[in-house]
């Protein structure tokens, strides 16, 4: 695992925050909430993929097939 994943998560967070602020200032709070939820789902899918890789690695290390 490299530091790229941290930058990707931070980038998604920054972009989501900027879009959220712009939409809230233009009185579109429902869409801002959807953008926030979309950012959260993207990050969670990345984290779940990493956890899957972690468990696969642990299986290989301890020979648990």
Protein backbone atom coordinates (compact mmCIF):
# COMPACT_ATOMS: atom_id res chain seq x y z
CA UNK A 1 0.00 0.00 0.00
CA UNK A 2 1.30 3.40 -0.85
CA UNK A 3 0.49 6.92 0.17
CA UNK A 4 -1.61 7.37 -2.98
CA UNK A 5 -4.75 6.14 -1.25
CA UNK A 6 -4.43 8.84 1.41
CA UNK A 7 -4.15 11.51 -1.27
CA UNK A 8 -7.16 10.08 -3.11
CA UNK A 9 -9.30 10.14 0.04
CA UNK A 10 -8.15 13.66 0.88
CA UNK A 11 -8.85 14.80 -2.68
CA UNK A 12 -12.36 13.39 -2.60
CA UNK A 13 -12.94 15.07 0.75
CA UNK A 14 -11.73 18.46 -0.46
CA UNK A 15 -13.71 18.33 -3.70
CA UNK A 16 -16.83 17.21 -1.83
CA UNK A 17 -16.46 20.02 0.70
CA UNK A 18 -16.01 22.68 -2.00
CA UNK A 19 -19.01 21.48 -4.02
CA UNK A 20 -21.06 21.20 -0.82
CA UNK A 21 -20.27 24.81 0.15
CA UNK A 22 -21.08 26.12 -3.32
CA UNK A 23 -24.42 24.31 -3.40
CA UNK A 24 -25.38 25.41 0.11
CA UNK A 25 -24.66 29.05 -0.74
CA UNK A 26 -26.91 28.77 -3.78
CA UNK A 27 -29.77 27.35 -1.61
CA UNK A 28 -29.62 23.82 -2.98
CA UNK A 29 -29.17 21.98 0.28
CA UNK A 30 -30.80 18.75 -0.90
CA UNK A 31 -28.30 18.37 -3.73
CA UNK A 32 -25.46 19.32 -1.36
CA UNK A 33 -26.51 16.49 0.93
CA UNK A 34 -26.52 14.07 -2.00
CA UNK A 35 -23.03 15.20 -3.01
CA UNK A 36 -21.80 14.60 0.53
CA UNK A 37 -23.34 11.14 0.60
CA UNK A 38 -21.80 10.33 -2.78
CA UNK A 39 -18.36 11.35 -1.52
CA UNK A 40 -18.86 9.20 1.56
CA UNK A 41 -19.88 6.18 -0.53
CA UNK A 42 -16.83 6.60 -2.78
CA UNK A 43 -14.46 6.68 0.17
CA UNK A 44 -16.18 3.74 1.86
CA UNK A 45 -15.87 1.61 -1.27
CA UNK A 46 -12.16 2.40 -1.41
CA UNK A 47 -11.73 1.47 2.25
CA UNK A 48 -13.74 -1.75 1.88
CA UNK A 49 -11.55 -2.76 -1.05
CA UNK A 50 -8.45 -2.14 1.04
CA UNK A 51 -9.86 -4.20 3.91
CA UNK A 52 -10.56 -7.04 1.49
CA UNK A 53 -6.96 -6.92 0.32
CA UNK A 54 -5.79 -6.90 3.95
CA UNK A 55 -7.79 -10.01 4.79
CA UNK A 56 -6.52 -11.78 1.67
CA UNK A 57 -2.96 -10.97 2.69
CA UNK A 58 -3.57 -12.25 6.22
CA UNK A 59 -4.98 -15.48 4.81
CA UNK A 60 -1.87 -15.95 2.69
CA UNK A 61 0.46 -15.19 5.57
CA UNK A 62 -1.16 -17.64 7.98
CA UNK A 63 -2.12 -20.22 5.31
CA UNK A 64 -5.85 -19.93 6.07
CA UNK A 65 -7.58 -21.06 2.90
